[in-house]
Amino acid sequence: MHHLVAVQGDQFSFTAIQGEALGRPGRIEVLVEVKSGKPVLVKIAGQAVIAFQTTLIL
């Protein structure tokens, strides 16, 4: 981890904000579960509209 967030326990959360400069403000809630100092699960919640859709082949 990059130590941008102080992690105490096995999870942390934050609110991410974007799009305000474009006049399209958006907000999402992010929850990160941590084990042995590394993220193991990320949950993202919020409202959204589909702006585009694509398929990735890995």
Protein backbone atom coordinates (compact mmCIF):
# COMPACT_ATOMS: atom_id res chain seq x y z
CA MET A 1 0.00 0.00 0.00
CA HIS A 2 1.08 3.57 -0.55
CA HIS A 3 0.13 4.67 2.98
CA LEU A 4 -2.18 7.43 1.69
CA VAL A 5 -4.79 6.38 4.26
CA ALA A 6 -4.14 5.49 7.89
CA VAL A 7 -5.45 1.94 8.27
CA GLN A 8 -6.50 0.82 11.72
CA GLY A 9 -8.10 -2.59 11.87
CA ASP A 10 -9.24 -4.61 8.89
CA GLN A 11 -11.06 -1.97 6.81
CA PHE A 12 -11.31 1.70 5.95
CA SER A 13 -13.67 3.84 3.90
CA PHE A 14 -13.73 7.19 2.16
CA THR A 15 -15.87 9.33 -0.12
CA ALA A 16 -14.50 10.10 -3.59
CA ILE A 17 -15.68 13.24 -5.40
CA GLN A 18 -15.13 14.04 -9.07
CA GLY A 19 -16.56 15.93 -12.03
CA GLU A 20 -17.20 19.26 -10.32
CA ALA A 21 -15.00 21.22 -12.77
CA LEU A 22 -17.11 19.83 -15.64
CA GLY A 23 -20.37 20.78 -13.96
CA ARG A 24 -21.24 17.11 -13.46
CA PRO A 25 -20.48 16.47 -9.78
CA GLY A 26 -20.31 12.88 -8.68
CA ARG A 27 -19.73 11.13 -5.39
CA ILE A 28 -19.00 7.49 -4.55
CA GLU A 29 -18.49 5.70 -1.28
CA VAL A 30 -15.53 3.32 -1.16
CA LEU A 31 -14.97 0.56 1.42
CA VAL A 32 -11.67 -1.33 1.44
CA GLU A 33 -11.08 -4.54 3.41
CA VAL A 34 -7.46 -5.17 4.38
CA LYS A 35 -5.55 -8.31 5.41
CA SER A 36 -1.86 -8.29 6.36
CA GLY A 37 -1.63 -4.64 5.31
CA LYS A 38 -2.90 -5.27 1.76
CA PRO A 39 -6.31 -4.59 0.21
CA VAL A 40 -8.26 -7.80 -0.45
CA LEU A 41 -11.72 -6.42 -1.29
CA VAL A 42 -12.98 -3.07 -2.57
CA LYS A 43 -16.68 -2.16 -2.54
CA ILE A 44 -17.93 0.90 -4.41
CA ALA A 45 -21.41 2.38 -3.98
CA GLY A 46 -23.17 5.37 -5.44
CA GLN A 47 -25.49 6.51 -8.20
CA ALA A 48 -24.41 6.49 -11.83
CA VAL A 49 -25.53 6.66 -15.43
CA ILE A 50 -23.95 4.66 -18.24
CA ALA A 51 -21.81 6.99 -20.36
CA PHE A 52 -20.35 4.25 -22.57
CA GLN A 53 -20.01 0.48 -22.58
CA THR A 54 -17.25 -1.80 -23.86
CA THR A 55 -15.80 -5.27 -23.50
CA LEU A 56 -12.23 -6.05 -22.43
CA ILE A 57 -10.54 -9.25 -23.54
CA LEU A 58 -7.77 -10.25 -21.15
